[in-house]
N, C-alpha and C. Protein backbone atom coordinates (compact mmCIF):
# COMPACT_ATOMS: atom_id res chain seq x y z
N MET A 1 104.91 63.43 103.63
CA MET A 1 104.07 64.05 104.36
C MET A 1 104.05 63.11 105.93
N GLY A 2 104.88 62.20 106.41
CA GLY A 2 104.34 61.78 107.29
C GLY A 2 105.80 62.36 108.39
N THR A 3 106.62 62.85 107.48
CA THR A 3 107.76 63.89 108.31
C THR A 3 107.20 65.24 108.53
N THR A 4 106.60 65.49 107.26
CA THR A 4 106.43 66.70 107.50
C THR A 4 105.48 67.10 108.59
N ALA A 5 104.73 66.13 108.65
CA ALA A 5 103.56 66.20 109.49
C ALA A 5 104.19 66.17 111.08
N ALA A 6 105.16 65.44 111.55
CA ALA A 6 105.19 64.94 112.27
C ALA A 6 106.34 66.14 113.00
N THR A 7 107.00 66.81 111.55
CA THR A 7 108.00 68.09 112.27
C THR A 7 107.13 68.73 112.53
N LEU A 8 106.01 69.04 112.23
CA LEU A 8 104.88 70.49 112.41
C LEU A 8 104.55 69.88 113.91
N ALA A 9 104.14 68.92 113.56
CA ALA A 9 103.14 68.95 115.32
C ALA A 9 104.26 68.31 116.38
N HIS A 10 105.76 68.75 116.30
CA HIS A 10 106.43 68.68 116.81
C HIS A 10 106.82 70.51 117.16
N GLU A 11 107.07 71.23 116.34
CA GLU A 11 106.89 72.66 116.08
C GLU A 11 105.56 73.24 117.30
N ILE A 12 104.75 72.53 116.75
CA ILE A 12 103.58 73.36 117.40
C ILE A 12 103.71 73.31 118.83
N ASN A 13 103.70 71.91 119.21
CA ASN A 13 103.60 71.61 120.65
C ASN A 13 105.05 72.52 121.40
N ASN A 14 106.13 72.66 120.61
CA ASN A 14 107.14 73.47 121.11
C ASN A 14 106.29 74.92 121.48
N LEU A 15 105.58 75.07 120.44
CA LEU A 15 105.41 76.60 120.45
C LEU A 15 103.87 76.91 121.33
N MET A 16 103.41 75.83 121.56
CA MET A 16 102.25 75.55 122.62
C MET A 16 102.34 75.51 124.32
N THR A 17 103.46 74.92 124.75
CA THR A 17 104.15 74.77 125.75
C THR A 17 104.15 76.14 126.44
N PRO A 18 105.35 76.88 126.13
CA PRO A 18 104.89 78.03 127.24
C PRO A 18 103.50 78.89 127.14
N VAL A 19 102.69 78.62 126.37
CA VAL A 19 101.18 79.41 126.13
C VAL A 19 100.43 78.72 127.36
N LEU A 20 100.80 77.13 127.36
CA LEU A 20 100.06 76.18 128.45
C LEU A 20 100.40 76.98 129.89
N GLY A 21 101.87 77.00 130.03
CA GLY A 21 102.22 77.41 131.57
C GLY A 21 101.86 78.68 131.48
N TYR A 22 102.14 79.91 130.95
CA TYR A 22 101.52 80.90 131.57
C TYR A 22 100.23 80.78 131.62
N ALA A 23 99.04 80.42 130.49
CA ALA A 23 98.05 80.40 131.18
C ALA A 23 97.24 79.64 132.41
N LYS A 24 98.13 78.64 133.11
CA LYS A 24 98.13 78.09 134.29
C LYS A 24 98.39 78.89 135.26
N PHE A 25 99.70 79.21 135.12
CA PHE A 25 99.97 80.81 136.03
C PHE A 25 99.34 81.76 136.17
N ALA A 26 98.73 82.00 135.12
CA ALA A 26 97.84 83.46 134.71
C ALA A 26 96.36 83.21 135.83
N LEU A 27 95.78 82.25 135.69
CA LEU A 27 94.75 81.41 136.00
C LEU A 27 94.77 81.26 137.70
N LYS A 28 95.72 80.55 138.45
CA LYS A 28 96.32 80.41 139.59
C LYS A 28 96.47 81.40 140.71
N GLU A 29 97.30 82.61 139.89
CA GLU A 29 97.73 83.56 140.84
C GLU A 29 96.53 84.83 140.45
N ASN A 30 95.44 84.76 139.54
CA ASN A 30 94.95 86.34 139.63
C ASN A 30 95.41 86.94 139.26
N ASP A 31 96.85 87.10 138.49
CA ASP A 31 97.77 88.61 138.28
C ASP A 31 97.76 89.07 137.19
N PRO A 32 96.88 90.34 137.20
CA PRO A 32 96.18 91.10 135.72
C PRO A 32 97.85 91.16 134.70
N GLU A 33 98.95 91.75 135.63
CA GLU A 33 99.92 91.76 134.64
C GLU A 33 100.53 90.35 134.20
N LEU A 34 100.27 89.37 134.88
CA LEU A 34 100.78 87.99 134.49
C LEU A 34 99.86 87.40 133.21
N MET A 35 98.38 88.23 133.28
CA MET A 35 97.38 87.67 132.38
C MET A 35 97.83 88.29 131.07
N ALA A 36 98.16 89.34 131.74
CA ALA A 36 98.49 90.23 130.18
C ALA A 36 99.72 89.34 129.32
N LYS A 37 100.48 89.58 130.05
CA LYS A 37 101.97 88.56 129.66
C LYS A 37 101.51 87.05 128.86
N ALA A 38 100.77 86.40 129.25
CA ALA A 38 100.13 85.09 129.33
C ALA A 38 99.18 85.48 127.54
N LEU A 39 98.53 86.55 127.84
CA LEU A 39 97.97 86.56 126.51
C LEU A 39 98.72 87.75 125.23
N ARG A 40 99.86 88.30 125.63
CA ARG A 40 100.92 88.54 124.29
C ARG A 40 101.87 87.19 124.26
N THR A 41 101.98 86.35 124.88
CA THR A 41 102.84 85.17 124.50
C THR A 41 101.52 84.03 123.65
N THR A 42 100.41 84.21 124.13
CA THR A 42 99.63 83.17 123.28
C THR A 42 99.75 84.15 122.17
N LEU A 43 99.33 85.47 121.49
CA LEU A 43 99.44 85.93 120.65
C LEU A 43 100.25 85.66 119.48
N ASP A 44 101.47 85.70 120.09
CA ASP A 44 102.53 85.30 119.46
C ASP A 44 103.04 84.12 118.65
N GLN A 45 102.49 83.10 119.75
CA GLN A 45 102.69 81.71 119.56
C GLN A 45 101.94 81.12 118.43
N ILE A 46 100.10 81.74 118.49
CA ILE A 46 99.14 81.23 117.78
C ILE A 46 99.72 82.22 116.27
N GLU A 47 100.54 83.76 116.33
CA GLU A 47 101.14 83.75 115.18
C GLU A 47 101.44 82.74 114.31
N SER A 48 102.90 82.51 114.78
CA SER A 48 103.52 81.46 114.52
C SER A 48 103.20 80.14 114.09
N VAL A 49 102.21 79.47 114.69
CA VAL A 49 101.42 78.67 114.06
C VAL A 49 100.93 79.04 112.89
N VAL A 50 99.79 80.05 112.61
CA VAL A 50 99.49 79.97 111.54
C VAL A 50 100.09 80.14 110.52
N THR A 51 101.33 81.11 110.77
CA THR A 51 102.27 81.40 109.78
C THR A 51 102.65 79.83 108.87
N MET A 52 103.55 78.66 110.08
CA MET A 52 103.97 77.56 109.73
C MET A 52 102.86 76.39 108.89
N THR A 53 102.00 76.85 109.24
CA THR A 53 100.77 75.94 108.66
C THR A 53 100.16 76.57 107.36
N ASP A 54 100.36 77.92 107.21
CA ASP A 54 99.71 78.56 105.82
C ASP A 54 101.30 78.31 105.14
N ARG A 55 102.88 78.40 105.27
CA ARG A 55 103.51 77.81 104.49
C ARG A 55 103.02 76.56 103.87
N ILE A 56 103.06 75.47 104.42
CA ILE A 56 102.72 74.07 104.26
C ILE A 56 101.27 73.94 103.22
N LEU A 57 100.41 74.94 103.62
CA LEU A 57 99.26 74.73 102.69
C LEU A 57 99.41 75.30 101.41
N THR A 58 100.30 76.46 101.11
CA THR A 58 100.61 77.08 100.02
C THR A 58 100.84 76.43 99.09
N MET A 59 102.26 75.72 99.75
CA MET A 59 102.90 74.91 98.96
C MET A 59 102.10 73.61 98.27
N ALA A 60 100.95 72.71 98.92
CA ALA A 60 100.31 71.82 98.81
C ALA A 60 99.02 72.43 97.95
N ALA A 61 98.83 73.48 97.61
CA ALA A 61 97.71 73.91 97.10
C ALA A 61 97.64 73.07 95.98
N ASP A 62 96.47 72.76 95.32
CA ASP A 62 96.27 72.05 93.56
C ASP A 62 95.57 73.28 92.79
N ARG A 63 96.98 74.29 92.32
CA ARG A 63 96.99 75.24 91.64
C ARG A 63 97.47 74.87 89.85
N PRO A 64 96.64 75.06 88.91
CA PRO A 64 97.47 75.03 87.46
C PRO A 64 99.10 75.19 87.57
N THR A 65 99.95 75.00 87.06
CA THR A 65 101.13 75.14 86.55
C THR A 65 101.62 76.37 86.11
N ALA A 66 102.12 77.23 86.36
CA ALA A 66 101.99 78.71 85.88
C ALA A 66 104.00 78.56 86.05
N ILE A 67 104.61 78.48 84.83
CA ILE A 67 105.89 79.02 84.35
C ILE A 67 106.38 80.10 84.28
N GLN A 68 107.31 80.96 84.85
CA GLN A 68 107.63 82.26 84.80
C GLN A 68 108.68 82.36 85.44
N PRO A 69 109.71 83.61 84.89
CA PRO A 69 110.69 83.77 85.78
C PRO A 69 110.77 83.84 87.15
N VAL A 70 111.24 83.28 87.92
CA VAL A 70 111.47 83.72 89.26
C VAL A 70 112.85 83.59 89.69
N GLY A 71 112.96 84.31 91.22
CA GLY A 71 114.00 84.68 92.07
C GLY A 71 114.19 83.19 92.66
N LEU A 72 115.60 82.72 92.23
CA LEU A 72 115.90 81.13 92.56
C LEU A 72 116.04 81.44 94.28
N ARG A 73 116.54 82.10 94.98
CA ARG A 73 116.96 82.36 96.16
C ARG A 73 115.39 82.34 97.10
N SER A 74 114.43 82.71 96.57
CA SER A 74 113.29 83.29 97.40
C SER A 74 112.75 81.84 97.38
N VAL A 75 112.76 81.21 96.34
CA VAL A 75 112.14 80.38 96.18
C VAL A 75 112.65 78.99 97.25
N VAL A 76 114.35 79.03 97.70
CA VAL A 76 114.90 78.40 98.34
C VAL A 76 114.31 78.95 99.46
N ASN A 77 114.35 79.94 100.29
CA ASN A 77 114.12 80.62 101.70
C ASN A 77 112.92 80.26 101.83
N ASP A 78 111.99 79.67 101.05
CA ASP A 78 110.37 79.43 101.27
C ASP A 78 110.78 78.18 101.89
N ALA A 79 111.60 77.22 101.17
CA ALA A 79 111.55 75.83 101.39
C ALA A 79 112.13 75.53 102.53
N VAL A 80 113.05 76.38 102.89
CA VAL A 80 114.15 76.35 104.26
C VAL A 80 113.05 76.32 105.09
N LEU A 81 111.95 77.69 105.01
CA LEU A 81 110.65 77.87 105.99
C LEU A 81 109.86 77.25 105.92
N ALA A 82 109.66 76.17 105.04
CA ALA A 82 108.13 75.34 105.07
C ALA A 82 108.99 73.74 106.07
N THR A 83 109.92 73.74 106.11
CA THR A 83 110.31 72.83 106.86
C THR A 83 110.08 73.00 108.28
N CYS A 84 109.67 74.30 108.83
CA CYS A 84 109.33 74.39 109.91
C CYS A 84 109.91 74.29 111.27
N ARG A 85 111.50 74.41 111.02
CA ARG A 85 112.39 74.04 112.12
C ARG A 85 113.74 74.37 111.52
N ASP A 86 113.87 74.96 112.91
CA ASP A 86 115.13 75.66 112.59
C ASP A 86 116.51 74.60 112.73
N PRO A 87 117.23 74.65 111.75
CA PRO A 87 118.37 73.20 111.56
C PRO A 87 118.84 73.11 112.82
N SER A 88 119.37 74.23 113.21
CA SER A 88 120.17 74.35 114.37
C SER A 88 119.98 73.37 115.46
N LYS A 89 118.34 73.56 115.60
CA LYS A 89 118.08 72.88 116.76
C LYS A 89 118.68 71.01 117.08
N ASP A 90 118.90 70.90 115.62
CA ASP A 90 119.31 69.23 115.49
C ASP A 90 121.04 69.26 115.22
N GLY A 91 121.58 70.66 115.32
CA GLY A 91 123.22 70.49 115.09
C GLY A 91 123.57 70.16 113.74
N ILE A 92 122.27 70.68 113.13
CA ILE A 92 122.98 70.95 111.47
C ILE A 92 123.36 72.34 111.12
N THR A 93 123.95 72.61 110.46
CA THR A 93 124.54 74.04 109.85
C THR A 93 124.22 73.82 108.39
N LEU A 94 123.19 75.05 108.40
CA LEU A 94 122.73 75.55 107.23
C LEU A 94 123.15 76.48 105.93
N THR A 95 123.82 75.73 104.90
CA THR A 95 124.45 77.78 104.51
C THR A 95 123.54 77.47 103.19
N VAL A 96 123.41 78.66 103.07
CA VAL A 96 122.66 78.86 101.31
C VAL A 96 123.44 79.93 100.67
N GLU A 97 124.31 79.30 99.50
CA GLU A 97 125.15 80.52 98.33
C GLU A 97 124.53 80.81 97.39
N ILE A 98 123.44 81.55 97.34
CA ILE A 98 122.90 81.71 95.85
C ILE A 98 122.71 83.13 95.63
N ASP A 99 123.18 83.84 94.67
CA ASP A 99 122.98 85.09 94.25
C ASP A 99 122.01 85.68 93.92
N ASP A 100 121.27 86.55 94.50
CA ASP A 100 119.57 87.36 94.59
C ASP A 100 119.54 87.38 93.08
N SER A 101 120.41 87.48 92.20
CA SER A 101 120.11 88.11 90.42
C SER A 101 119.77 86.67 89.64
N ILE A 102 120.09 85.56 90.32
CA ILE A 102 120.07 84.47 89.55
C ILE A 102 118.58 84.02 89.29
N SER A 103 118.00 84.10 88.32
CA SER A 103 116.17 83.88 88.31
C SER A 103 115.95 82.35 87.21
N VAL A 104 115.34 81.59 87.50
CA VAL A 104 115.53 80.35 86.95
C VAL A 104 113.67 80.51 86.08
N GLN A 105 113.27 79.97 84.89
CA GLN A 105 112.07 79.43 84.50
C GLN A 105 111.54 78.50 85.45
N ALA A 106 110.49 78.63 86.16
CA ALA A 106 109.81 77.56 87.07
C ALA A 106 108.72 78.23 87.29
N ASP A 107 107.56 77.02 87.77
CA ASP A 107 106.62 77.06 88.60
C ASP A 107 106.78 77.53 90.32
N ALA A 108 106.75 78.42 90.67
CA ALA A 108 107.83 78.69 91.96
C ALA A 108 107.15 77.83 93.23
N ARG A 109 105.92 77.32 93.32
CA ARG A 109 105.36 76.39 93.95
C ARG A 109 105.70 75.20 94.48
N ARG A 110 105.94 74.74 92.90
CA ARG A 110 106.04 73.07 92.39
C ARG A 110 107.91 73.28 92.62
N LEU A 111 108.17 74.06 92.38
CA LEU A 111 110.01 74.42 92.32
C LEU A 111 110.02 74.24 94.14
N GLN A 112 109.76 74.72 95.14
CA GLN A 112 109.81 74.76 96.32
C GLN A 112 109.22 73.65 96.67
N GLN A 113 108.39 72.70 96.24
CA GLN A 113 108.00 71.15 96.57
C GLN A 113 109.57 70.29 96.01
N VAL A 114 110.17 70.46 94.91
CA VAL A 114 111.49 69.90 95.29
C VAL A 114 112.65 70.11 96.12
N PHE A 115 112.58 71.38 96.54
CA PHE A 115 113.66 71.92 97.01
C PHE A 115 113.19 71.22 98.86
N PHE A 116 112.14 71.62 99.05
CA PHE A 116 111.40 70.79 99.92
C PHE A 116 111.92 69.74 100.54
N ASN A 117 111.77 68.38 99.45
CA ASN A 117 112.09 67.33 99.66
C ASN A 117 113.71 67.21 99.60
N LEU A 118 114.06 67.75 99.11
CA LEU A 118 115.87 67.38 98.91
C LEU A 118 116.35 67.87 100.56
N LEU A 119 115.42 69.12 101.28
CA LEU A 119 115.83 69.51 102.25
C LEU A 119 115.40 68.42 103.71
N LEU A 120 114.37 67.85 103.48
CA LEU A 120 114.18 66.84 104.32
C LEU A 120 114.83 65.68 104.15
N ASN A 121 115.19 65.43 103.22
CA ASN A 121 116.18 63.90 102.92
C ASN A 121 117.28 63.90 103.47
N ALA A 122 118.12 65.47 102.76
CA ALA A 122 119.33 65.89 103.92
C ALA A 122 119.59 66.15 105.34
N ARG A 123 117.99 66.81 106.02
CA ARG A 123 118.13 66.04 107.43
C ARG A 123 118.01 65.02 107.59
N ASP A 124 117.39 64.28 107.27
CA ASP A 124 117.37 62.64 107.41
C ASP A 124 118.34 62.24 107.59
N ALA A 125 119.31 62.65 106.31
CA ALA A 125 120.71 61.89 106.28
C ALA A 125 121.59 61.72 107.26
N LEU A 126 121.17 63.33 107.96
CA LEU A 126 122.03 63.76 108.91
C LEU A 126 121.41 63.32 110.81
N ALA A 127 120.40 62.71 110.72
CA ALA A 127 119.67 62.17 112.03
C ALA A 127 120.54 61.49 113.16
N GLY A 128 120.69 62.08 114.27
CA GLY A 128 121.57 61.90 114.95
C GLY A 128 123.14 62.46 115.07
N ARG A 129 122.91 63.21 113.83
CA ARG A 129 124.26 63.72 113.84
C ARG A 129 124.32 65.28 113.54
N THR A 130 125.71 65.49 114.44
CA THR A 130 125.86 66.78 113.47
C THR A 130 126.79 66.79 112.16
N GLY A 131 126.45 67.69 111.41
CA GLY A 131 126.80 68.11 110.31
C GLY A 131 125.85 69.30 109.76
N ARG A 132 126.42 69.66 108.33
CA ARG A 132 126.61 70.58 107.36
C ARG A 132 125.46 70.22 106.03
N ILE A 133 124.15 71.13 105.77
CA ILE A 133 123.95 71.03 104.15
C ILE A 133 124.32 72.53 104.08
N THR A 134 124.66 72.45 102.42
CA THR A 134 124.99 73.19 102.01
C THR A 134 124.32 73.61 100.18
N ILE A 135 123.37 74.56 100.35
CA ILE A 135 122.83 75.01 99.02
C ILE A 135 123.34 76.08 98.12
N ARG A 136 124.11 75.63 97.09
CA ARG A 136 124.88 76.28 96.10
C ARG A 136 123.72 76.57 94.87
N ALA A 137 124.04 77.65 94.14
CA ALA A 137 123.81 77.80 92.81
C ALA A 137 124.71 78.61 91.65
N ALA A 138 124.69 77.77 90.46
CA ALA A 138 125.70 78.72 89.84
C ALA A 138 125.47 78.52 88.23
N ILE A 139 125.62 79.70 87.49
CA ILE A 139 125.04 79.62 86.13
C ILE A 139 125.90 78.60 85.39
N ASP A 140 125.37 77.96 84.73
CA ASP A 140 126.21 76.71 83.97
C ASP A 140 125.82 76.84 82.38
N SER A 141 125.59 77.78 82.04
CA SER A 141 125.58 78.21 80.71
C SER A 141 124.38 79.48 80.26
N ASP A 142 123.95 80.11 79.07
CA ASP A 142 123.08 81.18 79.04
C ASP A 142 121.42 80.40 79.00
N ASP A 143 121.79 78.92 78.94
CA ASP A 143 120.94 78.14 78.78
C ASP A 143 120.34 77.67 80.24
N SER A 144 121.20 77.54 81.05
CA SER A 144 120.75 76.52 82.16
C SER A 144 121.50 77.07 83.59
N VAL A 145 120.66 76.78 84.73
CA VAL A 145 121.36 77.37 86.05
C VAL A 145 121.36 75.62 87.22
N ASN A 146 122.46 75.77 87.74
CA ASN A 146 123.07 74.19 88.27
C ASN A 146 122.48 74.82 89.74
N VAL A 147 122.14 73.96 90.40
CA VAL A 147 121.85 74.10 92.23
C VAL A 147 122.02 72.73 92.82
N THR A 148 122.73 72.96 93.75
CA THR A 148 123.63 71.70 94.36
C THR A 148 122.94 71.88 95.87
N PHE A 149 122.65 70.78 96.34
CA PHE A 149 122.05 70.42 97.78
C PHE A 149 123.26 69.60 98.01
N ALA A 150 123.77 69.86 99.43
CA ALA A 150 125.00 68.84 99.41
C ALA A 150 124.92 68.40 100.85
N ASP A 151 125.03 67.30 101.63
CA ASP A 151 124.81 67.12 103.08
C ASP A 151 126.13 66.35 103.67
N THR A 152 126.41 66.10 104.71
CA THR A 152 127.61 65.63 105.11
C THR A 152 126.90 64.10 106.06
N GLY A 153 125.63 63.56 105.75
CA GLY A 153 124.97 62.91 106.14
C GLY A 153 125.60 61.26 105.77
N SER A 154 124.89 60.44 105.88
CA SER A 154 125.07 58.76 105.77
C SER A 154 125.24 58.64 104.49
N GLY A 155 124.79 59.28 103.51
CA GLY A 155 125.01 58.74 101.90
C GLY A 155 124.25 58.14 101.45
N ILE A 156 124.34 57.29 100.50
CA ILE A 156 123.38 56.45 99.80
C ILE A 156 124.39 55.31 99.12
N PRO A 157 123.82 53.90 99.75
CA PRO A 157 124.40 52.92 99.41
C PRO A 157 124.75 52.52 97.81
N ALA A 158 125.84 52.05 97.71
CA ALA A 158 126.63 52.23 95.60
C ALA A 158 125.70 51.20 94.98
N GLU A 159 124.27 50.41 95.85
CA GLU A 159 123.77 49.68 95.22
C GLU A 159 122.94 50.19 94.60
N MET A 160 122.14 51.31 95.28
CA MET A 160 121.02 52.21 95.04
C MET A 160 120.87 53.34 94.51
N ILE A 161 122.62 53.74 94.37
CA ILE A 161 122.64 54.68 93.40
C ILE A 161 122.12 54.90 92.25
N ASP A 162 121.92 54.09 91.45
CA ASP A 162 121.22 53.98 89.96
C ASP A 162 119.55 53.74 90.17
N THR A 163 119.27 53.46 90.89
CA THR A 163 117.78 53.53 91.06
C THR A 163 117.35 54.12 92.28
N VAL A 164 117.73 55.40 92.70
CA VAL A 164 117.16 56.20 93.94
C VAL A 164 116.03 57.09 93.20
N PHE A 165 115.81 57.59 92.15
CA PHE A 165 115.08 58.32 91.47
C PHE A 165 113.97 57.56 91.15
N GLU A 166 113.61 55.85 90.89
CA GLU A 166 112.74 55.58 90.79
C GLU A 166 111.77 54.94 91.52
N PRO A 167 110.07 55.21 91.82
CA PRO A 167 108.99 55.26 92.70
C PRO A 167 109.45 53.96 93.63
N PHE A 168 108.96 54.28 94.82
CA PHE A 168 109.23 53.25 95.96
C PHE A 168 110.43 52.71 96.09
N VAL A 169 111.67 53.67 95.74
CA VAL A 169 113.05 52.97 96.14
C VAL A 169 113.81 54.07 97.32
N THR A 170 113.53 54.27 98.55
CA THR A 170 114.13 54.59 99.82
C THR A 170 115.24 54.33 100.31
N THR A 171 115.87 55.00 100.84
CA THR A 171 117.25 54.71 101.87
C THR A 171 117.05 54.73 103.40
N LYS A 172 116.06 55.52 103.66
CA LYS A 172 115.38 55.11 104.97
C LYS A 172 114.47 54.03 105.50
N ASP A 173 114.66 53.38 106.58
CA ASP A 173 113.76 52.68 107.30
C ASP A 173 113.21 52.66 108.64
N SER A 174 112.66 51.81 109.02
CA SER A 174 112.41 52.05 110.41
C SER A 174 113.62 52.22 111.75
N THR A 175 114.48 52.09 111.29
CA THR A 175 115.42 52.13 112.51
C THR A 175 116.11 53.23 112.61
N THR A 176 115.70 53.92 111.90
CA THR A 176 116.24 55.48 111.71
C THR A 176 115.28 56.53 112.46
N LYS A 177 116.25 57.41 113.02
CA LYS A 177 115.32 58.55 113.96
C LYS A 177 113.89 58.93 113.06
N HIS A 178 113.90 59.17 111.52
CA HIS A 178 112.57 59.38 111.57
C HIS A 178 112.02 58.25 111.18
N ARG A 179 110.77 58.23 110.72
CA ARG A 179 110.10 57.08 110.10
C ARG A 179 110.54 56.88 108.83
N GLY A 180 110.48 55.80 108.08
CA GLY A 180 110.73 54.94 107.11
C GLY A 180 109.69 56.13 105.64
N GLY A 181 110.71 56.25 104.68
CA GLY A 181 110.24 56.64 103.69
C GLY A 181 109.55 56.19 102.54
N THR A 182 108.40 56.62 102.25
CA THR A 182 107.64 55.74 100.70
C THR A 182 108.18 55.61 99.81
N GLY A 183 109.70 56.56 99.69
CA GLY A 183 110.18 56.22 98.14
C GLY A 183 109.58 56.90 97.00
N LEU A 184 109.07 58.06 97.63
CA LEU A 184 108.33 58.47 96.26
C LEU A 184 108.82 59.89 96.11
N GLY A 185 109.30 60.70 97.42
CA GLY A 185 109.83 62.13 97.23
C GLY A 185 110.75 62.27 95.80
N LEU A 186 111.82 61.56 96.25
CA LEU A 186 112.85 61.85 94.94
C LEU A 186 112.58 61.49 93.44
N SER A 187 111.26 60.64 92.96
CA SER A 187 110.75 60.12 92.05
C SER A 187 109.67 61.69 91.67
N LEU A 188 109.03 61.94 92.37
CA LEU A 188 108.38 63.21 92.39
C LEU A 188 109.57 64.34 92.07
N CYS A 189 110.14 64.65 92.71
CA CYS A 189 111.59 65.49 92.25
C CYS A 189 111.56 65.54 90.66
N ARG A 190 111.81 64.34 90.33
CA ARG A 190 112.28 64.04 88.75
C ARG A 190 111.40 64.02 88.09
N ASP A 191 110.37 64.35 88.24
CA ASP A 191 109.33 64.40 87.55
C ASP A 191 108.66 65.93 87.47
N ILE A 192 108.95 66.34 88.57
CA ILE A 192 108.60 67.95 88.05
C ILE A 192 109.60 68.72 87.44
N LEU A 193 110.51 68.21 87.84
CA LEU A 193 111.89 68.73 87.12
C LEU A 193 111.76 68.55 85.49
N ARG A 194 111.48 67.68 85.49
CA ARG A 194 111.42 67.22 84.02
C ARG A 194 110.40 67.98 82.86
N ASP A 195 109.08 68.28 84.04
CA ASP A 195 108.12 68.89 83.25
C ASP A 195 108.52 70.22 83.06
N HIS A 196 109.60 70.95 84.32
CA HIS A 196 110.10 72.03 83.48
C HIS A 196 111.46 72.34 82.69
N GLY A 197 111.36 71.26 81.97
CA GLY A 197 112.58 71.05 80.93
C GLY A 197 113.78 70.88 81.80
N GLY A 198 114.36 70.49 82.81
CA GLY A 198 115.46 70.63 83.28
C GLY A 198 115.34 68.79 84.52
N GLY A 199 116.48 68.76 84.87
CA GLY A 199 116.84 67.21 85.63
C GLY A 199 117.43 67.51 87.03
N ILE A 200 117.57 66.18 87.60
CA ILE A 200 118.46 65.86 88.69
C ILE A 200 119.15 64.93 88.65
N THR A 201 120.44 65.10 89.39
CA THR A 201 121.55 63.96 89.55
C THR A 201 121.86 64.08 90.95
N VAL A 202 122.75 62.69 90.97
CA VAL A 202 123.47 62.53 92.51
C VAL A 202 124.56 62.00 92.34
N GLU A 203 125.09 62.32 93.36
CA GLU A 203 126.76 61.57 93.59
C GLU A 203 126.75 61.57 95.08
N SER A 204 127.02 60.40 95.43
CA SER A 204 127.09 60.02 96.57
C SER A 204 127.63 58.63 97.03
N ARG A 205 128.43 58.37 97.96
CA ARG A 205 128.96 57.70 98.63
C ARG A 205 128.95 56.88 100.43
N ALA A 206 128.41 56.10 100.31
CA ALA A 206 127.60 55.77 101.52
C ALA A 206 128.70 55.95 102.84
N GLY A 207 127.85 56.73 103.69
CA GLY A 207 128.75 57.32 104.96
C GLY A 207 129.70 58.42 104.56
N HIS A 208 129.40 59.04 103.31
CA HIS A 208 129.84 60.41 103.14
C HIS A 208 129.35 61.23 102.16
N GLY A 209 127.91 61.65 102.76
CA GLY A 209 127.09 62.13 102.21
C GLY A 209 126.63 62.29 101.26
N ALA A 210 125.68 63.18 100.58
CA ALA A 210 125.42 62.78 99.48
C ALA A 210 125.08 64.39 98.83
N THR A 211 125.24 64.90 97.29
CA THR A 211 125.21 66.07 96.73
C THR A 211 124.12 65.80 95.40
N PHE A 212 123.14 66.67 95.47
CA PHE A 212 121.91 66.39 94.76
C PHE A 212 122.33 67.38 93.62
N THR A 213 122.28 67.61 92.62
CA THR A 213 122.33 68.58 91.63
C THR A 213 120.91 68.84 90.94
N VAL A 214 120.18 70.06 91.15
CA VAL A 214 119.05 70.27 90.44
C VAL A 214 119.35 71.05 88.60
N THR A 215 118.90 70.78 87.95
CA THR A 215 119.60 71.57 86.77
C THR A 215 117.86 72.17 86.32
N LEU A 216 117.98 73.90 86.16
CA LEU A 216 116.63 74.34 85.46
C LEU A 216 117.26 75.31 84.55
N PRO A 217 115.99 75.44 83.70
CA PRO A 217 116.65 76.99 82.63
C PRO A 217 116.45 78.04 83.09
N ARG A 218 117.23 78.66 82.81
CA ARG A 218 117.87 80.00 82.92
C ARG A 218 116.76 80.61 82.87
N ALA A 219 116.30 81.84 83.58
CA ALA A 219 115.05 83.03 82.96
C ALA A 219 115.47 83.82 81.98
N PRO A 220 115.09 84.05 80.97
CA PRO A 220 115.70 84.72 79.72
C PRO A 220 116.13 86.40 80.59
N LYS A 221 116.84 86.83 80.09
CA LYS A 221 117.35 88.13 80.51
C LYS A 221 116.35 89.50 79.85
N SER A 222 116.41 89.62 81.11
CA SER A 222 115.26 91.35 81.19
C SER A 222 115.72 92.53 80.38
């Protein structure tokens, strides 16, 4: 949540900076045209802020779990939007290769939390470097779907690979660009996916990126 709050604050600051600039100029020059432009800019930027905060609040809402068929691509898209930042601003190329026809049995809000966590981790692993995050999905069988989140980041040390899903285990520290993690994100992902009858695994090598594979029950064919 600390990383999310910091990212949100950064993006709100970016959106409000032009609002502040236009307002100052409009008041100084007493120019009706400039004032109108300042108001239009303010409206546009405030709407963007409201949209960002609504995404975070919706994802965090405490509602009963409702497992039902959901379109996988739409949940991934919502998770990407909830990060509140265009990855290209950080030199990251994000690629999503998921067919619109793939559906899974899930609570969309809780699944979004899983994907959101995996996206933040991938972004943190790429902190300070250019790289790629690739999200793909494939039907594994009539009963399951595999979703992979692959990044070209710093990877996971070999001595941590077997414990990375345990509570309070984290590869982040205070020396990285982002604040040290709590070590609860991946544990939360694992627990949510188990509740869905799915699971999560990881393949990684220090310095060579990581690939997390999420397995979910496939939605029944209509």
